[in-house]
């Protein structure tokens, strides 16, 4: 077998090459027939003949048609779907609402065209023509440049009339236009094609729909952004015997947007929480939108602050102060001062705040400045401020003020003299006035009584 194949191998190769050349020669000389299949769209013509009757049509079958083309190989191989035109004259509807589909080849007339699929006619349904007005809403797509926020897109007009078949019009809820905001860093104007949508946002498809304005003009605002701090401020006071122990919240900051001049005026936002007469913890969510200045917006329109205020019951602790624990300020050298040996101070606050308070931290002080004569006085006892600690009431103590006794050697000669026996006799003062008609004891009692300040 091998010998048979290799015998005169050169002649065999030449024969194959000659056969190939002859085949190409025949093909290009005689150009045999060839077939090809295409799918092409169908164009409806004379549609105004239906609208003049106050009707519209919906194509139920025949929007596209499958055809088979037969012709010379050289022609068929050069054809594309765009070289064919299919039309259906709706003014020539049959009683069953069908219209013939006519297909022609715009590139060559030397081809045969036949339908290869089941669709050979245009089938439509007729409905009453209805016109209704709908709101226009701009739908944004894309992401602006970093540091910018896209505000509202305003359409012109904001209401539009839509005409079409009743079944399609009844499905429409809104007319949407699409706005591309990708990479935007300043406000801009654009135009967009309107589309009808139902209440779920789905497109309402119908060949019969037409819009009173097309395209729609859209103006889109683009703002700069800024991060600002968020604070929570409490109002009022908890119920008597309770205190606000702590306040926690999130987030601590938000991103706002607006014109630069408006943003420059905003450094923080403060949310108010009312704790008046509360005895239990408060947990609530507060809207940040309510505290925004005019012309400033949240980049997240739904942003809110979650706040937790912990309300705790106050404890009381009594501390006993001795005389040596209290400092007397602004003493007069002509007086001696006496204060009670024991004074009780009542502290109020959270247990953790009052349990460790020491007398040295309190630094109790009484100020006797302004007292110019002996007597008994009720004066405030002042303490250092300690966070979280208050005093049950303004503490007072009674300070007794006495004139100091003068030493004999310090007395002027006009006031005393020493006898030879060493006893002291007091000389009368020549300048002394006549004694009051009351006794010296009565005068002393009246003066002491007048010096007591209640």
Protein backbone atom coordinates (compact mmCIF):
# COMPACT_ATOMS: atom_id res chain seq x y z
CA UNK A 1 0.00 0.00 0.00
CA UNK A 2 2.81 2.34 0.92
CA UNK A 3 4.51 1.65 -2.38
CA UNK A 4 1.32 2.39 -4.22
CA UNK A 5 0.89 5.76 -2.46
CA UNK A 6 4.45 6.86 -3.08
CA UNK A 7 4.56 5.75 -6.70
CA UNK A 8 4.64 8.87 -8.96
CA UNK A 9 4.09 11.15 -5.93
CA UNK A 10 5.01 14.25 -7.89
CA UNK A 11 2.33 13.67 -10.52
CA UNK A 12 -0.27 13.11 -7.81
CA UNK A 13 0.51 16.42 -6.06
CA UNK A 14 0.34 18.29 -9.35
CA UNK A 15 -3.06 16.71 -10.06
CA UNK A 16 -4.46 17.93 -6.70
CA UNK A 17 -3.26 21.47 -7.31
CA UNK A 18 -4.79 21.50 -10.79
CA UNK A 19 -8.16 20.31 -9.33
CA UNK A 20 -8.18 23.14 -6.78
CA UNK A 21 -7.43 25.74 -9.43
CA UNK A 22 -10.15 24.38 -11.67
CA UNK A 23 -12.70 24.49 -8.77
CA UNK A 24 -11.97 28.15 -8.08
CA UNK A 25 -12.15 28.93 -11.75
CA UNK A 26 -15.57 27.32 -12.07
CA UNK A 27 -16.91 29.06 -8.94
CA UNK A 28 -15.78 32.51 -10.02
CA UNK A 29 -16.73 31.91 -13.62
CA UNK A 30 -20.20 30.50 -13.14
CA UNK A 31 -21.05 32.17 -9.69
CA UNK A 32 -23.46 29.49 -8.38
CA UNK A 33 -26.56 30.30 -6.28
CA UNK A 34 -26.37 30.77 -2.54
CA UNK A 35 -28.93 31.32 0.27
CA UNK A 36 -28.70 33.24 3.55
CA UNK A 37 -31.08 34.02 6.45
CA UNK A 38 -31.63 37.46 8.04
CA UNK A 39 -33.75 38.97 10.82
CA UNK A 40 -34.87 42.52 10.14
CA UNK A 41 -37.13 45.07 11.94
CA UNK A 42 -40.53 45.98 10.53
CA UNK A 43 -41.46 49.64 10.07
CA UNK A 44 -45.11 50.61 10.38
CA UNK A 45 -46.23 53.22 7.85
CA UNK A 46 -49.35 55.41 7.61
CA UNK A 47 -49.93 55.22 11.37
CA UNK A 48 -51.64 58.62 11.30
CA UNK A 49 -54.59 56.99 9.58
CA UNK A 50 -55.35 55.32 12.93
CA UNK A 51 -54.75 58.37 15.14
CA UNK A 52 -57.13 60.39 12.98
CA UNK A 53 -59.84 58.02 14.12
CA UNK A 54 -59.03 58.73 17.79
CA UNK A 55 -57.37 55.37 18.12
CA UNK A 56 -53.86 54.03 18.67
CA UNK A 57 -52.37 50.69 17.77
CA UNK A 58 -50.19 48.27 19.67
CA UNK A 59 -48.13 45.77 17.68
CA UNK A 60 -48.79 42.32 19.06
CA UNK A 61 -46.77 40.40 16.46
CA UNK A 62 -44.52 41.34 13.57
CA UNK A 63 -42.06 43.87 15.02
CA UNK A 64 -39.36 41.78 13.35
CA UNK A 65 -39.45 39.24 10.54
CA UNK A 66 -37.15 36.37 9.49
CA UNK A 67 -36.36 36.15 5.78
CA UNK A 68 -34.35 33.84 3.47
CA UNK A 69 -32.45 35.38 0.57
CA UNK A 70 -31.33 33.46 -2.53
CA UNK A 71 -29.03 34.78 -5.23
CA UNK A 72 -25.59 34.57 -6.74
CA UNK A 73 -22.90 33.81 -4.23
CA UNK A 74 -21.07 37.03 -4.96
CA UNK A 75 -24.19 39.07 -4.18
CA UNK A 76 -25.55 37.15 -1.18
CA UNK A 77 -22.17 37.12 0.58
CA UNK A 78 -22.07 40.93 0.48
CA UNK A 79 -25.52 41.48 2.00
CA UNK A 80 -26.22 42.64 5.60
CA UNK A 81 -29.47 43.06 7.56
CA UNK A 82 -29.28 46.80 6.99
CA UNK A 83 -29.57 46.19 3.24
CA UNK A 84 -33.19 45.13 3.67
CA UNK A 85 -36.29 47.19 4.46
CA UNK A 86 -39.51 45.70 5.79
CA UNK A 87 -42.69 47.82 5.97
CA UNK A 88 -46.31 47.21 6.97
CA UNK A 89 -49.03 49.62 5.81
CA UNK A 90 -51.36 49.92 8.77
CA UNK A 91 -53.89 51.87 6.71
CA UNK A 92 -54.64 48.58 4.95
CA UNK A 93 -55.59 46.55 8.01
CA UNK A 94 -57.70 43.49 7.49
CA UNK A 95 -60.87 42.96 9.59
CA UNK A 96 -58.71 40.84 11.89
CA UNK A 97 -56.25 43.75 12.33
CA UNK A 98 -53.49 42.25 10.21
CA UNK A 99 -51.32 44.02 7.64
CA UNK A 100 -49.06 42.56 4.98
CA UNK A 101 -45.30 42.87 5.47
CA UNK A 102 -43.36 43.88 2.35
CA UNK A 103 -39.59 43.28 2.23
CA UNK A 104 -37.21 44.70 -0.35
CA UNK A 105 -33.44 44.58 -0.76
CA UNK A 106 -32.09 48.11 -1.09
CA UNK A 107 -28.68 46.96 -2.31
CA UNK A 108 -29.63 44.57 -5.13
CA UNK A 109 -32.77 43.56 -6.96
CA UNK A 110 -31.22 40.30 -8.20
CA UNK A 111 -32.17 38.28 -5.15
CA UNK A 112 -35.19 36.22 -4.18
CA UNK A 113 -36.74 36.97 -0.76
CA UNK A 114 -39.04 34.63 1.16
CA UNK A 115 -40.22 34.39 4.77
CA UNK A 116 -38.35 31.74 6.72
CA UNK A 117 -40.25 32.03 10.01
CA UNK A 118 -43.83 31.75 11.14
CA UNK A 119 -44.39 35.53 11.13
CA UNK A 120 -45.52 36.74 7.73
CA UNK A 121 -47.91 39.55 8.68
CA UNK A 122 -48.08 42.42 11.17
CA UNK A 123 -50.74 41.88 13.81
CA UNK A 124 -51.96 44.84 15.91
CA UNK A 125 -54.68 45.73 18.40
CA UNK A 126 -56.52 49.06 18.49
CA UNK A 127 -57.30 51.10 21.60
CA UNK A 128 -58.82 54.47 22.40
CA UNK A 129 -56.34 57.34 22.39
CA UNK A 130 -55.93 58.78 25.94
CA UNK A 131 -53.93 61.80 27.11
CA UNK A 132 -52.95 62.31 30.77
CA UNK A 133 -50.57 64.56 32.74
CA UNK A 134 -47.75 63.10 34.90
CA UNK A 135 -44.95 64.50 37.10
CA UNK A 136 -41.41 64.45 35.73
CA UNK A 137 -38.68 63.12 38.05
CA UNK A 138 -34.93 63.25 37.38
CA UNK A 139 -33.06 60.05 38.24
CA UNK A 140 -29.34 60.56 38.84
CA UNK A 141 -26.73 57.97 37.96
CA UNK A 142 -22.99 57.91 38.55
CA UNK A 143 -20.73 59.35 41.27
CA UNK A 144 -19.50 62.96 41.51
CA UNK A 145 -15.86 63.91 42.01
CA UNK A 146 -14.34 63.48 45.48
CA UNK A 147 -15.32 66.29 47.85
CA UNK A 148 -18.54 67.10 45.99
CA UNK A 149 -22.20 66.28 46.52
CA UNK A 150 -24.96 66.25 43.92
CA UNK A 151 -28.08 68.06 45.05
CA UNK A 152 -31.47 68.16 43.39
CA UNK A 153 -31.99 67.94 39.65
CA UNK A 154 -34.79 70.26 38.53
CA UNK A 155 -36.70 69.45 35.35
CA UNK A 156 -38.37 71.87 32.98
CA UNK A 157 -41.24 71.19 32.60
CA UNK A 158 -41.98 69.39 35.86
CA UNK A 159 -45.31 68.13 34.49
CA UNK A 160 -45.77 66.51 31.09
CA UNK A 161 -48.68 65.22 29.01
CA UNK A 162 -48.45 61.65 27.77
CA UNK A 163 -50.68 60.27 24.99
CA UNK A 164 -51.20 56.63 24.13
CA UNK A 165 -53.40 53.61 24.43
CA UNK A 166 -55.61 53.45 27.51
CA UNK A 167 -54.09 50.22 28.82
CA UNK A 168 -50.58 51.72 28.70
CA UNK A 169 -51.61 55.11 30.15
CA UNK A 170 -53.34 53.37 33.07
CA UNK A 171 -50.03 51.74 34.05
CA UNK A 172 -48.03 54.99 34.16
CA UNK A 173 -47.29 56.58 37.54
CA UNK A 174 -44.41 58.93 36.71
CA UNK A 175 -42.22 60.07 33.83
CA UNK A 176 -38.51 59.70 34.56
CA UNK A 177 -35.48 61.30 32.95
CA UNK A 178 -31.93 60.03 33.48
CA UNK A 179 -29.11 62.43 34.47
CA UNK A 180 -25.44 61.39 34.36
CA UNK A 181 -23.58 62.95 37.35
CA UNK A 182 -20.42 60.87 37.09
CA UNK A 183 -17.36 63.01 37.85
CA UNK A 184 -19.42 66.19 38.35
CA UNK A 185 -17.70 69.02 40.28
CA UNK A 186 -19.99 71.94 39.47
CA UNK A 187 -23.64 72.60 38.68
CA UNK A 188 -24.64 71.84 35.08
CA UNK A 189 -27.47 71.83 32.51
CA UNK A 190 -28.47 68.81 30.40
CA UNK A 191 -31.26 67.37 28.25
CA UNK A 192 -32.78 63.91 28.61
CA UNK A 193 -35.34 61.66 26.93
CA UNK A 194 -38.51 61.01 28.99
CA UNK A 195 -39.58 57.46 29.78
CA UNK A 196 -42.86 56.31 31.33
CA UNK A 197 -42.68 54.16 34.49
CA UNK A 198 -45.17 52.42 36.72
CA UNK A 199 -45.44 52.75 40.52
CA UNK A 200 -42.67 50.17 41.00
CA UNK A 201 -40.28 52.04 38.74
CA UNK A 202 -40.59 49.56 35.88
CA UNK A 203 -40.59 50.85 32.31
CA UNK A 204 -43.97 50.98 30.59
CA UNK A 205 -43.29 49.79 27.05
CA UNK A 206 -45.67 50.84 24.30
CA UNK A 207 -45.20 51.95 20.71
CA UNK A 208 -48.24 54.17 21.07
CA UNK A 209 -46.82 56.51 23.74
CA UNK A 210 -45.88 60.08 22.87
CA UNK A 211 -44.79 62.99 25.08
CA UNK A 212 -45.80 66.65 24.86
CA UNK A 213 -42.16 67.71 25.46
CA UNK A 214 -39.14 65.80 24.27
CA UNK A 215 -36.32 66.15 25.30
CA UNK A 216 -36.65 67.44 28.87
CA UNK A 217 -34.34 70.22 30.17
CA UNK A 218 -32.62 69.39 33.48
CA UNK A 219 -30.60 71.65 35.83
CA UNK A 220 -28.47 69.80 38.40
CA UNK A 221 -26.93 71.45 41.47
CA UNK A 222 -23.49 70.27 42.64
CA UNK A 223 -22.11 71.38 46.04
CA UNK A 224 -18.86 71.20 47.98
CA UNK A 225 -18.77 69.01 51.10
CA UNK A 226 -17.40 69.39 54.63
CA UNK A 227 -17.13 67.17 57.72
CA UNK A 228 -18.53 68.82 60.86
CA UNK A 229 -18.62 67.67 64.48
CA UNK A 230 -21.89 66.60 66.13
CA UNK A 231 -22.63 67.38 69.79
CA UNK A 232 -25.50 66.45 72.09
CA UNK A 233 -26.73 69.01 74.63
CA UNK A 234 -29.18 68.07 77.39
CA UNK A 235 -31.99 70.35 78.53
CA UNK A 236 -33.67 70.41 81.91
CA UNK A 237 -32.80 68.32 84.99
CA UNK A 238 -33.80 64.82 86.09
CA UNK A 239 -36.33 64.27 88.86
CA UNK A 240 -35.32 65.38 92.38
CA UNK A 241 -32.82 62.92 93.82
CA UNK A 242 -31.56 61.82 90.37
CA UNK A 243 -28.79 63.07 88.13
CA UNK A 244 -27.53 62.71 84.56
CA UNK A 245 -24.58 60.35 84.96
CA UNK A 246 -23.39 60.22 81.35
CA UNK A 247 -24.36 60.92 77.75
CA UNK A 248 -23.14 58.87 74.80
CA UNK A 249 -24.06 59.16 71.14
CA UNK A 250 -23.11 58.24 67.58
CA UNK A 251 -22.05 59.49 65.09
CA UNK A 252 -19.60 62.10 66.33
CA UNK A 253 -19.46 63.80 62.91
CA UNK A 254 -21.37 64.00 59.61
CA UNK A 255 -20.70 65.19 56.07
CA UNK A 256 -22.67 68.24 54.97
CA UNK A 257 -22.84 69.99 51.62
CA UNK A 258 -23.59 73.47 50.36
CA UNK A 259 -22.11 76.55 48.76
CA UNK A 260 -18.70 77.47 50.16
CA UNK A 261 -19.98 80.62 51.88
CA UNK A 262 -22.65 78.61 53.71
CA UNK A 263 -20.23 75.82 54.68
CA UNK A 264 -17.70 78.30 56.11
CA UNK A 265 -20.32 79.40 58.65
CA UNK A 266 -20.84 75.84 59.97
CA UNK A 267 -18.33 74.33 62.41
CA UNK A 268 -20.57 71.93 64.35
CA UNK A 269 -24.14 70.75 64.84
CA UNK A 270 -25.83 70.39 68.23
CA UNK A 271 -28.76 68.08 68.93
CA UNK A 272 -30.94 68.77 71.99
CA UNK A 273 -32.22 66.05 74.36
CA UNK A 274 -34.73 66.83 77.13
CA UNK A 275 -34.03 65.05 80.45
CA UNK A 276 -36.57 66.98 82.53
CA UNK A 277 -37.97 64.90 85.45
CA UNK A 278 -36.52 61.65 84.08
CA UNK A 279 -35.76 58.79 86.47
CA UNK A 280 -34.77 56.10 83.94
CA UNK A 281 -32.24 55.96 81.10
CA UNK A 282 -33.13 57.72 77.86
CA UNK A 283 -32.49 56.08 74.48
CA UNK A 284 -33.70 57.95 71.43
CA UNK A 285 -32.82 58.80 67.84
CA UNK A 286 -32.76 62.44 66.84
CA UNK A 287 -32.83 63.80 63.30
CA UNK A 288 -29.81 65.88 62.28
CA UNK A 289 -31.77 67.46 59.45
CA UNK A 290 -33.75 69.48 62.01
CA UNK A 291 -30.65 71.36 63.21
CA UNK A 292 -29.11 72.16 59.82
CA UNK A 293 -28.61 75.82 58.92
CA UNK A 294 -30.38 77.19 55.87
CA UNK A 295 -28.93 76.14 52.50
CA UNK A 296 -26.83 73.35 54.06
CA UNK A 297 -27.63 69.69 53.29
CA UNK A 298 -26.70 66.26 54.59
CA UNK A 299 -24.94 64.03 52.06
CA UNK A 300 -26.94 61.24 53.72
CA UNK A 301 -30.50 62.61 53.92
CA UNK A 302 -31.48 59.96 56.46
CA UNK A 303 -28.58 60.66 58.86
CA UNK A 304 -29.58 60.72 62.55
CA UNK A 305 -27.96 60.66 65.99
CA UNK A 306 -28.51 57.76 68.38
CA UNK A 307 -28.36 59.09 71.96
CA UNK A 308 -28.21 57.29 75.32
CA UNK A 309 -28.49 59.33 78.54
CA UNK A 310 -27.81 57.36 81.73
CA UNK A 311 -29.94 58.57 84.67
CA UNK A 312 -28.74 57.54 88.16
CA UNK A 313 -30.07 57.98 91.69
CA UNK A 314 -28.07 60.33 93.93
CA UNK A 315 -26.47 59.13 97.19
CA UNK A 316 -25.82 61.24 100.32
CA UNK A 317 -22.77 61.21 102.58
CA UNK A 318 -22.20 63.19 105.75
CA UNK A 319 -18.75 64.45 106.74
CA UNK A 320 -17.95 65.80 110.18
CA UNK A 321 -15.69 68.89 110.28
CA UNK A 322 -13.79 69.94 113.41
CA UNK A 323 -12.72 73.48 114.27
CA UNK A 324 -9.18 72.85 113.03
CA UNK A 325 -10.48 71.69 109.60
CA UNK A 326 -11.97 75.11 108.82
CA UNK A 327 -9.81 78.01 107.66
CA UNK A 328 -10.84 81.55 108.72
CA UNK A 329 -9.84 84.08 106.08
CA UNK A 330 -9.39 87.87 106.38
CA UNK A 331 -9.17 88.00 110.19
CA UNK A 332 -8.95 91.34 112.00
CA UNK A 333 -6.03 91.52 114.49
CA UNK A 334 -8.27 93.27 117.02
CA UNK A 335 -10.63 90.29 117.30
CA UNK A 336 -10.62 86.67 118.34
CA UNK A 337 -12.83 84.19 116.45
CA UNK A 338 -14.57 81.11 117.73
CA UNK A 339 -16.31 78.48 115.57
CA UNK A 340 -18.14 75.30 116.64
CA UNK A 341 -16.02 72.30 117.52
CA UNK A 342 -18.08 70.14 115.15
CA UNK A 343 -19.89 70.94 111.90
CA UNK A 344 -21.70 68.33 109.79
CA UNK A 345 -21.56 68.66 105.98
CA UNK A 346 -23.92 66.72 103.69
CA UNK A 347 -22.52 65.73 100.27
CA UNK A 348 -24.73 64.61 97.41
CA UNK A 349 -23.73 62.83 94.21
CA UNK A 350 -23.04 59.44 92.69
CA UNK A 351 -21.58 56.95 95.10
CA UNK A 352 -18.37 56.70 93.07
CA UNK A 353 -17.94 60.48 93.22
CA UNK A 354 -18.65 61.12 96.91
CA UNK A 355 -17.21 57.99 98.53
CA UNK A 356 -13.59 59.10 98.29
CA UNK A 357 -13.94 62.82 99.04
CA UNK A 358 -11.55 63.98 101.80
CA UNK A 359 -11.62 67.06 104.00
CA UNK A 360 -8.42 68.31 102.38
CA UNK A 361 -10.13 68.17 99.00
CA UNK A 362 -13.06 70.15 100.37
CA UNK A 363 -10.79 72.88 101.83
CA UNK A 364 -13.59 74.45 103.95
CA UNK A 365 -13.20 78.23 104.37
CA UNK A 366 -15.19 80.92 106.19
CA UNK A 367 -14.60 84.57 105.28
CA UNK A 368 -14.88 87.15 108.12
CA UNK A 369 -13.97 90.23 106.10
CA UNK A 370 -16.23 93.20 106.73
CA UNK A 371 -16.93 92.35 110.40
CA UNK A 372 -15.94 95.42 112.45
CA UNK A 373 -17.39 94.70 115.88
CA UNK A 374 -17.83 91.83 118.24
CA UNK A 375 -20.82 89.58 118.10
CA UNK A 376 -22.19 86.31 116.71
CA UNK A 377 -22.55 85.93 112.94
CA UNK A 378 -23.92 83.22 110.64
CA UNK A 379 -21.53 83.02 107.69
CA UNK A 380 -21.42 80.72 104.63
CA UNK A 381 -18.98 77.84 104.64
CA UNK A 382 -17.30 77.67 101.25
CA UNK A 383 -15.74 74.53 99.72
CA UNK A 384 -13.62 73.70 96.69
CA UNK A 385 -15.49 72.58 93.59
CA UNK A 386 -15.37 68.82 93.03
CA UNK A 387 -16.79 67.36 89.81
CA UNK A 388 -19.95 65.37 90.41
CA UNK A 389 -20.31 66.50 94.02
CA UNK A 390 -22.85 68.98 95.33
CA UNK A 391 -23.90 70.13 98.79
CA UNK A 392 -27.37 69.39 100.05
CA UNK A 393 -27.81 73.03 100.97
CA UNK A 394 -25.71 76.14 101.42
CA UNK A 395 -23.81 75.30 104.59
CA UNK A 396 -23.49 77.97 107.27
CA UNK A 397 -21.68 78.12 110.60
CA UNK A 398 -21.93 80.53 113.55
CA UNK A 399 -18.77 82.56 114.12
CA UNK A 400 -18.41 84.33 117.47
CA UNK A 401 -16.29 87.47 117.27
CA UNK A 402 -14.66 88.81 120.48
CA UNK A 403 -12.47 91.83 121.08
CA UNK A 404 -8.97 90.88 122.12
CA UNK A 405 -7.95 91.68 125.80
CA UNK A 406 -5.20 94.28 125.93
CA UNK A 407 -2.05 93.66 128.03
CA UNK A 408 -1.45 96.09 131.00
CA UNK A 409 1.92 97.22 129.74
CA UNK A 410 0.31 98.29 126.51
CA UNK A 411 -2.25 100.57 128.29
CA UNK A 412 -1.57 104.33 128.22
CA UNK A 413 -0.54 106.04 131.49
CA UNK A 414 -3.72 108.10 131.41
CA UNK A 415 -5.71 104.88 131.76
CA UNK A 416 -3.88 103.21 134.76
CA UNK A 417 -1.40 103.67 137.58
CA UNK A 418 0.42 101.31 139.92
CA UNK A 419 0.25 101.87 143.69
CA UNK A 420 3.20 101.42 145.95
CA UNK A 421 1.79 98.09 147.01
CA UNK A 422 1.72 96.86 143.43
CA UNK A 423 -2.06 97.02 142.96
CA UNK A 424 -3.53 98.61 139.88
CA UNK A 425 -5.87 101.52 140.02
CA UNK A 426 -7.59 102.96 137.03
CA UNK A 427 -7.54 106.69 136.62
CA UNK A 428 -10.60 108.43 135.32
CA UNK A 429 -10.35 109.87 131.85
CA UNK A 430 -10.80 113.61 131.96
CA UNK A 431 -12.33 113.48 128.54
CA UNK A 432 -14.80 110.73 129.45
CA UNK A 433 -18.38 111.80 129.06
CA UNK A 434 -20.98 111.62 131.75
CA UNK A 435 -22.21 108.08 132.28
CA UNK A 436 -25.48 107.03 130.74
CA UNK A 437 -28.35 106.99 133.10
CA UNK A 438 -28.43 103.21 132.65
CA UNK A 439 -25.99 101.11 134.62
CA UNK A 440 -22.73 99.86 133.04
CA UNK A 441 -24.09 96.28 133.09
CA UNK A 442 -27.20 97.39 131.13
CA UNK A 443 -25.10 99.15 128.53
CA UNK A 444 -22.91 96.08 128.13
CA UNK A 445 -25.95 93.82 127.64
CA UNK A 446 -27.49 96.15 125.05
CA UNK A 447 -24.26 96.32 123.06
CA UNK A 448 -23.83 92.56 123.11
CA UNK A 449 -27.42 92.04 121.98
CA UNK A 450 -27.05 94.51 119.12
CA UNK A 451 -23.90 92.77 117.93
CA UNK A 452 -25.60 89.40 117.38
CA UNK A 453 -26.46 88.96 113.67
CA UNK A 454 -28.99 86.36 112.91
